Amino acid sequence: MSTAYAELTQAMQLYFDGFHNGDVATLQKVFHPSCHLITGVGGSLIDDAMDAVYARVRGRTSPAKAGQPRHDQIVSIHLAGPETALVTCRIAIEPKLFTDYLNFVKLDGEWRIVSKVFGWVRLEDAAGAHAAPAAQAAE
C-alpha cells in the first residue's frame, strides 16, 4: 500500500486532464468501462453509463479550449486495503464546481474508477471553495 497514494494521485491527474482537455482517450485510461456516474442534483436520480458521459465530453467545448482556469483539487484519499479506495475531489467545468466521490479498484495493476457520485454548485456560489490549491489528504 506504500505506493497506493502516489498511484492514485497519478490516476487523478488523468481524470483532471481528461475532463479539462475534453480528451475521451485519456478518460478511458482511468474509468472502468462499466462505471456509472450518479447524481441526485435537482431531486431526481440521474445514472449515466460511460457512453453517455463520453458523448457529452465530445460534444462540448473543452474547458482548456474555452480558456477556463483549472480548479482541480484532491480533497481526500481513503484506502480500504490494497485494491480499493475512495477519492474525493473537486473539479470545475464552468459555470459549475463539482464535488466527486470516486470509487477506485485496482485491476491488473491499475487503479480504475468503477463508480462516481457527484454534486455541484455554481462557481460563483462556491464562496472561495475552488480557490484552494491542489491538496492531498490521507487517512
N, C-alpha and C. Protein backbone atom coordinates (compact mmCIF):
# COMPACT_ATOMS: atom_id res chain seq x y z
N MET A 1 0.81 -1.20 0.00
CA MET A 1 0.00 0.00 0.00
C MET A 1 0.85 1.26 0.00
N SER A 2 2.16 1.11 0.18
CA SER A 2 3.01 2.28 0.29
C SER A 2 3.03 3.12 -0.98
N THR A 3 2.74 2.52 -2.12
CA THR A 3 2.72 3.28 -3.38
C THR A 3 1.31 3.69 -3.81
N ALA A 4 0.31 3.24 -3.07
CA ALA A 4 -1.07 3.47 -3.49
C ALA A 4 -1.41 4.95 -3.62
N TYR A 5 -0.97 5.77 -2.68
CA TYR A 5 -1.31 7.19 -2.76
C TYR A 5 -0.70 7.85 -3.99
N ALA A 6 0.54 7.53 -4.29
CA ALA A 6 1.19 8.08 -5.48
C ALA A 6 0.49 7.59 -6.74
N GLU A 7 0.14 6.31 -6.78
CA GLU A 7 -0.55 5.76 -7.95
C GLU A 7 -1.93 6.39 -8.14
N LEU A 8 -2.65 6.58 -7.05
CA LEU A 8 -3.97 7.21 -7.13
C LEU A 8 -3.86 8.67 -7.55
N THR A 9 -2.83 9.35 -7.08
CA THR A 9 -2.60 10.73 -7.50
C THR A 9 -2.33 10.80 -9.00
N GLN A 10 -1.58 9.84 -9.53
CA GLN A 10 -1.34 9.78 -10.98
C GLN A 10 -2.63 9.50 -11.73
N ALA A 11 -3.46 8.61 -11.22
CA ALA A 11 -4.75 8.32 -11.85
C ALA A 11 -5.63 9.57 -11.84
N MET A 12 -5.58 10.30 -10.76
CA MET A 12 -6.38 11.53 -10.66
C MET A 12 -5.91 12.58 -11.66
N GLN A 13 -4.62 12.60 -11.96
CA GLN A 13 -4.13 13.55 -12.96
C GLN A 13 -4.73 13.23 -14.32
N LEU A 14 -4.86 11.94 -14.65
CA LEU A 14 -5.54 11.55 -15.89
C LEU A 14 -6.98 12.04 -15.88
N TYR A 15 -7.65 11.88 -14.75
CA TYR A 15 -9.04 12.32 -14.59
C TYR A 15 -9.15 13.83 -14.83
N PHE A 16 -8.33 14.59 -14.12
CA PHE A 16 -8.37 16.05 -14.24
C PHE A 16 -8.02 16.49 -15.66
N ASP A 17 -6.94 15.94 -16.22
CA ASP A 17 -6.51 16.32 -17.57
C ASP A 17 -7.55 15.94 -18.61
N GLY A 18 -8.11 14.74 -18.48
CA GLY A 18 -9.10 14.28 -19.45
C GLY A 18 -10.31 15.19 -19.52
N PHE A 19 -10.85 15.58 -18.36
CA PHE A 19 -12.00 16.48 -18.38
C PHE A 19 -11.62 17.89 -18.82
N HIS A 20 -10.48 18.39 -18.35
CA HIS A 20 -10.09 19.76 -18.72
C HIS A 20 -9.84 19.88 -20.23
N ASN A 21 -9.22 18.87 -20.79
CA ASN A 21 -8.87 18.91 -22.22
C ASN A 21 -9.95 18.31 -23.12
N GLY A 22 -11.00 17.77 -22.53
CA GLY A 22 -12.04 17.14 -23.33
C GLY A 22 -11.52 15.92 -24.07
N ASP A 23 -10.63 15.17 -23.44
CA ASP A 23 -9.92 14.06 -24.08
C ASP A 23 -10.49 12.72 -23.60
N VAL A 24 -11.37 12.15 -24.40
CA VAL A 24 -12.02 10.89 -24.04
C VAL A 24 -11.00 9.76 -23.92
N ALA A 25 -10.00 9.72 -24.78
CA ALA A 25 -8.99 8.66 -24.71
C ALA A 25 -8.27 8.67 -23.35
N THR A 26 -8.00 9.84 -22.82
CA THR A 26 -7.37 9.95 -21.50
C THR A 26 -8.33 9.49 -20.42
N LEU A 27 -9.60 9.89 -20.51
CA LEU A 27 -10.59 9.46 -19.53
C LEU A 27 -10.77 7.95 -19.54
N GLN A 28 -10.69 7.33 -20.69
CA GLN A 28 -10.85 5.88 -20.79
C GLN A 28 -9.71 5.13 -20.09
N LYS A 29 -8.61 5.80 -19.85
CA LYS A 29 -7.49 5.17 -19.12
C LYS A 29 -7.77 5.07 -17.62
N VAL A 30 -8.70 5.89 -17.11
CA VAL A 30 -8.96 5.91 -15.67
C VAL A 30 -10.35 5.37 -15.31
N PHE A 31 -11.31 5.48 -16.21
CA PHE A 31 -12.65 4.96 -15.94
C PHE A 31 -12.75 3.50 -16.40
N HIS A 32 -13.30 2.66 -15.57
CA HIS A 32 -13.62 1.30 -15.99
C HIS A 32 -14.81 1.38 -16.95
N PRO A 33 -14.85 0.56 -17.99
CA PRO A 33 -15.95 0.65 -18.96
C PRO A 33 -17.34 0.48 -18.36
N SER A 34 -17.46 -0.24 -17.25
CA SER A 34 -18.79 -0.44 -16.66
C SER A 34 -19.15 0.61 -15.61
N CYS A 35 -18.31 1.62 -15.45
CA CYS A 35 -18.57 2.69 -14.48
C CYS A 35 -19.86 3.44 -14.81
N HIS A 36 -20.52 3.92 -13.77
CA HIS A 36 -21.68 4.79 -13.91
C HIS A 36 -21.44 6.06 -13.12
N LEU A 37 -21.96 7.18 -13.62
CA LEU A 37 -21.91 8.46 -12.93
C LEU A 37 -23.31 8.75 -12.41
N ILE A 38 -23.40 9.01 -11.11
CA ILE A 38 -24.69 9.12 -10.46
C ILE A 38 -24.77 10.43 -9.70
N THR A 39 -25.93 11.09 -9.81
CA THR A 39 -26.19 12.30 -9.04
C THR A 39 -27.67 12.36 -8.71
N GLY A 40 -27.97 13.17 -7.72
CA GLY A 40 -29.35 13.42 -7.35
C GLY A 40 -29.66 14.91 -7.39
N VAL A 41 -28.81 15.69 -8.08
CA VAL A 41 -28.99 17.13 -8.17
C VAL A 41 -30.37 17.41 -8.77
N GLY A 42 -31.13 18.25 -8.12
CA GLY A 42 -32.46 18.58 -8.60
C GLY A 42 -33.54 17.63 -8.08
N GLY A 43 -33.15 16.66 -7.25
CA GLY A 43 -34.13 15.77 -6.65
C GLY A 43 -34.48 14.53 -7.44
N SER A 44 -33.88 14.34 -8.59
CA SER A 44 -34.12 13.14 -9.39
C SER A 44 -32.81 12.39 -9.56
N LEU A 45 -32.90 11.07 -9.51
CA LEU A 45 -31.70 10.26 -9.71
C LEU A 45 -31.33 10.25 -11.18
N ILE A 46 -30.08 10.60 -11.45
CA ILE A 46 -29.52 10.52 -12.80
C ILE A 46 -28.39 9.51 -12.74
N ASP A 47 -28.43 8.53 -13.62
CA ASP A 47 -27.46 7.43 -13.65
C ASP A 47 -26.99 7.27 -15.09
N ASP A 48 -25.81 7.79 -15.39
CA ASP A 48 -25.28 7.76 -16.75
C ASP A 48 -24.17 6.72 -16.90
N ALA A 49 -24.28 5.91 -17.94
CA ALA A 49 -23.21 4.99 -18.32
C ALA A 49 -22.12 5.79 -19.03
N MET A 50 -20.97 5.18 -19.18
CA MET A 50 -19.82 5.89 -19.74
C MET A 50 -20.04 6.33 -21.18
N ASP A 51 -20.79 5.59 -21.98
CA ASP A 51 -21.05 6.04 -23.36
C ASP A 51 -21.71 7.40 -23.38
N ALA A 52 -22.67 7.64 -22.48
CA ALA A 52 -23.35 8.94 -22.41
C ALA A 52 -22.39 10.03 -21.94
N VAL A 53 -21.54 9.68 -20.98
CA VAL A 53 -20.55 10.65 -20.47
C VAL A 53 -19.58 11.04 -21.57
N TYR A 54 -19.05 10.05 -22.27
CA TYR A 54 -18.09 10.34 -23.33
C TYR A 54 -18.73 11.15 -24.46
N ALA A 55 -19.98 10.88 -24.76
CA ALA A 55 -20.68 11.66 -25.80
C ALA A 55 -20.80 13.12 -25.38
N ARG A 56 -21.08 13.38 -24.09
CA ARG A 56 -21.15 14.77 -23.60
C ARG A 56 -19.80 15.44 -23.70
N VAL A 57 -18.74 14.73 -23.31
CA VAL A 57 -17.39 15.31 -23.36
C VAL A 57 -17.03 15.66 -24.80
N ARG A 58 -17.32 14.75 -25.73
CA ARG A 58 -17.01 15.01 -27.15
C ARG A 58 -17.85 16.16 -27.72
N GLY A 59 -19.05 16.35 -27.18
CA GLY A 59 -19.98 17.32 -27.76
C GLY A 59 -19.86 18.73 -27.23
N ARG A 60 -18.99 18.97 -26.28
CA ARG A 60 -18.87 20.32 -25.73
C ARG A 60 -17.46 20.86 -25.96
N THR A 61 -17.36 22.16 -25.92
CA THR A 61 -16.05 22.81 -25.96
C THR A 61 -15.34 22.50 -24.66
N SER A 62 -14.12 22.03 -24.73
CA SER A 62 -13.39 21.68 -23.52
C SER A 62 -13.09 22.93 -22.70
N PRO A 63 -12.98 22.77 -21.38
CA PRO A 63 -12.57 23.91 -20.55
C PRO A 63 -11.23 24.51 -21.00
N ALA A 64 -10.30 23.67 -21.44
CA ALA A 64 -9.00 24.17 -21.91
C ALA A 64 -9.18 25.06 -23.13
N LYS A 65 -9.96 24.59 -24.09
CA LYS A 65 -10.18 25.36 -25.31
C LYS A 65 -10.94 26.66 -25.03
N ALA A 66 -11.81 26.63 -24.02
CA ALA A 66 -12.59 27.82 -23.64
C ALA A 66 -11.77 28.77 -22.78
N GLY A 67 -10.55 28.38 -22.41
CA GLY A 67 -9.69 29.24 -21.60
C GLY A 67 -10.09 29.29 -20.14
N GLN A 68 -10.80 28.28 -19.67
CA GLN A 68 -11.24 28.26 -18.28
C GLN A 68 -10.09 27.87 -17.36
N PRO A 69 -9.99 28.53 -16.22
CA PRO A 69 -8.94 28.15 -15.26
C PRO A 69 -9.25 26.79 -14.64
N ARG A 70 -8.21 26.13 -14.19
CA ARG A 70 -8.40 24.84 -13.53
C ARG A 70 -8.64 25.05 -12.04
N HIS A 71 -9.48 24.21 -11.49
CA HIS A 71 -9.79 24.23 -10.06
C HIS A 71 -9.64 22.83 -9.48
N ASP A 72 -8.74 22.03 -10.05
CA ASP A 72 -8.55 20.64 -9.65
C ASP A 72 -8.05 20.56 -8.21
N GLN A 73 -8.68 19.68 -7.44
CA GLN A 73 -8.24 19.51 -6.06
C GLN A 73 -8.59 18.11 -5.59
N ILE A 74 -7.59 17.37 -5.13
CA ILE A 74 -7.85 16.13 -4.41
C ILE A 74 -8.11 16.53 -2.97
N VAL A 75 -9.30 16.22 -2.48
CA VAL A 75 -9.67 16.57 -1.11
C VAL A 75 -9.21 15.48 -0.15
N SER A 76 -9.42 14.22 -0.54
CA SER A 76 -9.00 13.11 0.32
C SER A 76 -8.85 11.83 -0.48
N ILE A 77 -8.02 10.96 0.06
CA ILE A 77 -7.85 9.61 -0.46
C ILE A 77 -7.98 8.67 0.73
N HIS A 78 -8.95 7.78 0.64
CA HIS A 78 -9.18 6.81 1.71
C HIS A 78 -8.95 5.41 1.15
N LEU A 79 -7.98 4.72 1.69
CA LEU A 79 -7.70 3.34 1.26
C LEU A 79 -8.47 2.37 2.15
N ALA A 80 -9.08 1.37 1.52
CA ALA A 80 -9.78 0.32 2.25
C ALA A 80 -9.05 -1.01 2.04
N GLY A 81 -7.78 -0.94 1.80
CA GLY A 81 -6.98 -2.12 1.51
C GLY A 81 -6.15 -1.84 0.27
N PRO A 82 -5.41 -2.81 -0.19
CA PRO A 82 -4.50 -2.58 -1.30
C PRO A 82 -5.17 -2.44 -2.67
N GLU A 83 -6.47 -2.79 -2.77
CA GLU A 83 -7.14 -2.74 -4.09
C GLU A 83 -8.37 -1.85 -4.13
N THR A 84 -8.70 -1.15 -3.06
CA THR A 84 -9.93 -0.37 -3.02
C THR A 84 -9.67 0.98 -2.38
N ALA A 85 -10.22 2.04 -3.01
CA ALA A 85 -10.03 3.39 -2.47
C ALA A 85 -11.22 4.26 -2.83
N LEU A 86 -11.42 5.27 -2.02
CA LEU A 86 -12.40 6.32 -2.29
C LEU A 86 -11.64 7.64 -2.36
N VAL A 87 -11.76 8.33 -3.48
CA VAL A 87 -11.12 9.64 -3.65
C VAL A 87 -12.22 10.69 -3.74
N THR A 88 -12.10 11.71 -2.94
CA THR A 88 -12.98 12.87 -3.02
C THR A 88 -12.19 13.98 -3.69
N CYS A 89 -12.81 14.61 -4.68
CA CYS A 89 -12.10 15.67 -5.39
C CYS A 89 -13.06 16.78 -5.80
N ARG A 90 -12.47 17.88 -6.22
CA ARG A 90 -13.24 18.98 -6.83
C ARG A 90 -12.63 19.26 -8.19
N ILE A 91 -13.53 19.60 -9.12
CA ILE A 91 -13.13 19.91 -10.49
C ILE A 91 -14.18 20.87 -11.05
N ALA A 92 -13.75 21.80 -11.87
CA ALA A 92 -14.69 22.77 -12.44
C ALA A 92 -14.80 22.61 -13.94
N ILE A 93 -16.03 22.71 -14.40
CA ILE A 93 -16.35 22.92 -15.80
C ILE A 93 -17.36 24.05 -15.76
N GLU A 94 -16.88 25.24 -16.08
CA GLU A 94 -17.70 26.43 -15.87
C GLU A 94 -19.05 26.29 -16.53
N PRO A 95 -20.07 26.74 -15.80
CA PRO A 95 -20.07 27.53 -14.58
C PRO A 95 -20.17 26.70 -13.30
N LYS A 96 -19.88 25.40 -13.36
CA LYS A 96 -20.11 24.51 -12.23
C LYS A 96 -18.81 24.09 -11.56
N LEU A 97 -18.87 23.98 -10.23
CA LEU A 97 -17.79 23.38 -9.43
C LEU A 97 -18.35 22.07 -8.90
N PHE A 98 -17.76 20.97 -9.33
CA PHE A 98 -18.22 19.64 -8.95
C PHE A 98 -17.44 19.12 -7.75
N THR A 99 -18.13 18.40 -6.87
CA THR A 99 -17.50 17.58 -5.85
C THR A 99 -17.81 16.15 -6.24
N ASP A 100 -16.76 15.36 -6.43
CA ASP A 100 -16.89 14.00 -6.92
C ASP A 100 -16.39 13.01 -5.88
N TYR A 101 -17.13 11.92 -5.73
CA TYR A 101 -16.76 10.80 -4.88
C TYR A 101 -16.48 9.63 -5.82
N LEU A 102 -15.21 9.30 -5.97
CA LEU A 102 -14.76 8.33 -6.96
C LEU A 102 -14.33 7.04 -6.27
N ASN A 103 -15.02 5.95 -6.59
CA ASN A 103 -14.65 4.64 -6.06
C ASN A 103 -13.69 3.99 -7.03
N PHE A 104 -12.49 3.71 -6.54
CA PHE A 104 -11.43 3.09 -7.33
C PHE A 104 -11.23 1.64 -6.91
N VAL A 105 -10.93 0.81 -7.90
CA VAL A 105 -10.50 -0.57 -7.66
C VAL A 105 -9.22 -0.78 -8.48
N LYS A 106 -8.25 -1.44 -7.88
CA LYS A 106 -7.01 -1.73 -8.59
C LYS A 106 -7.18 -3.06 -9.33
N LEU A 107 -7.16 -2.98 -10.66
CA LEU A 107 -7.36 -4.14 -11.51
C LEU A 107 -6.16 -4.30 -12.43
N ASP A 108 -5.60 -5.49 -12.46
CA ASP A 108 -4.43 -5.75 -13.30
C ASP A 108 -3.34 -4.70 -13.12
N GLY A 109 -3.15 -4.27 -11.86
CA GLY A 109 -2.09 -3.33 -11.54
C GLY A 109 -2.41 -1.87 -11.78
N GLU A 110 -3.65 -1.56 -12.22
CA GLU A 110 -4.02 -0.16 -12.49
C GLU A 110 -5.27 0.23 -11.72
N TRP A 111 -5.26 1.45 -11.19
CA TRP A 111 -6.41 1.99 -10.48
C TRP A 111 -7.43 2.49 -11.50
N ARG A 112 -8.67 2.00 -11.38
CA ARG A 112 -9.74 2.39 -12.29
C ARG A 112 -10.94 2.84 -11.49
N ILE A 113 -11.62 3.87 -11.96
CA ILE A 113 -12.85 4.35 -11.31
C ILE A 113 -13.98 3.41 -11.73
N VAL A 114 -14.64 2.81 -10.74
CA VAL A 114 -15.74 1.89 -11.02
C VAL A 114 -17.10 2.51 -10.74
N SER A 115 -17.13 3.61 -9.99
CA SER A 115 -18.37 4.37 -9.81
C SER A 115 -18.03 5.78 -9.35
N LYS A 116 -18.93 6.69 -9.72
CA LYS A 116 -18.75 8.10 -9.37
C LYS A 116 -20.11 8.65 -8.94
N VAL A 117 -20.14 9.27 -7.77
CA VAL A 117 -21.31 10.00 -7.29
C VAL A 117 -20.86 11.44 -7.16
N PHE A 118 -21.68 12.37 -7.66
CA PHE A 118 -21.24 13.75 -7.67
C PHE A 118 -22.39 14.72 -7.43
N GLY A 119 -21.99 15.92 -7.04
CA GLY A 119 -22.91 17.05 -6.92
C GLY A 119 -22.17 18.29 -7.40
N TRP A 120 -22.89 19.39 -7.52
CA TRP A 120 -22.23 20.60 -7.97
C TRP A 120 -22.95 21.84 -7.44
N VAL A 121 -22.17 22.92 -7.42
CA VAL A 121 -22.69 24.26 -7.14
C VAL A 121 -22.12 25.17 -8.21
N ARG A 122 -22.74 26.31 -8.38
CA ARG A 122 -22.19 27.28 -9.32
C ARG A 122 -20.88 27.82 -8.75
N LEU A 123 -19.89 27.99 -9.60
CA LEU A 123 -18.59 28.52 -9.16
C LEU A 123 -18.76 29.82 -8.40
N GLU A 124 -19.64 30.67 -8.87
CA GLU A 124 -19.83 31.97 -8.21
C GLU A 124 -20.41 31.82 -6.81
N ASP A 125 -21.06 30.68 -6.53
CA ASP A 125 -21.64 30.44 -5.21
C ASP A 125 -20.74 29.62 -4.30
N ALA A 126 -19.58 29.23 -4.79
CA ALA A 126 -18.72 28.33 -4.05
C ALA A 126 -18.00 29.01 -2.89
N ALA A 127 -18.10 30.32 -2.78
CA ALA A 127 -17.54 31.07 -1.64
C ALA A 127 -16.08 30.75 -1.37
N GLY A 128 -15.28 30.71 -2.43
CA GLY A 128 -13.85 30.50 -2.27
C GLY A 128 -13.43 29.05 -2.17
N ALA A 129 -14.37 28.12 -2.18
CA ALA A 129 -14.01 26.71 -2.05
C ALA A 129 -13.10 26.25 -3.18
N HIS A 130 -13.23 26.89 -4.36
CA HIS A 130 -12.43 26.49 -5.51
C HIS A 130 -11.07 27.16 -5.54
N ALA A 131 -10.84 28.08 -4.63
CA ALA A 131 -9.58 28.83 -4.65
C ALA A 131 -8.44 28.09 -3.96
N ALA A 132 -8.77 27.01 -3.24
CA ALA A 132 -7.73 26.29 -2.51
C ALA A 132 -6.79 25.59 -3.49
N PRO A 133 -5.50 25.57 -3.16
CA PRO A 133 -4.55 24.86 -4.05
C PRO A 133 -4.81 23.36 -3.98
N ALA A 134 -4.34 22.66 -5.00
CA ALA A 134 -4.47 21.21 -5.01
C ALA A 134 -3.82 20.65 -3.75
N ALA A 135 -4.52 19.74 -3.11
CA ALA A 135 -4.02 19.16 -1.86
C ALA A 135 -4.37 17.70 -1.81
N GLN A 136 -3.66 16.96 -1.01
CA GLN A 136 -3.94 15.56 -0.82
C GLN A 136 -4.03 15.31 0.68
N ALA A 137 -5.14 14.76 1.09
CA ALA A 137 -5.29 14.35 2.48
C ALA A 137 -5.42 12.84 2.49
N ALA A 138 -4.84 12.22 3.47
CA ALA A 138 -4.90 10.77 3.53
C ALA A 138 -5.31 10.32 4.93
N GLU A 139 -6.02 9.24 4.96
CA GLU A 139 -6.35 8.62 6.26
C GLU A 139 -5.62 7.33 6.40
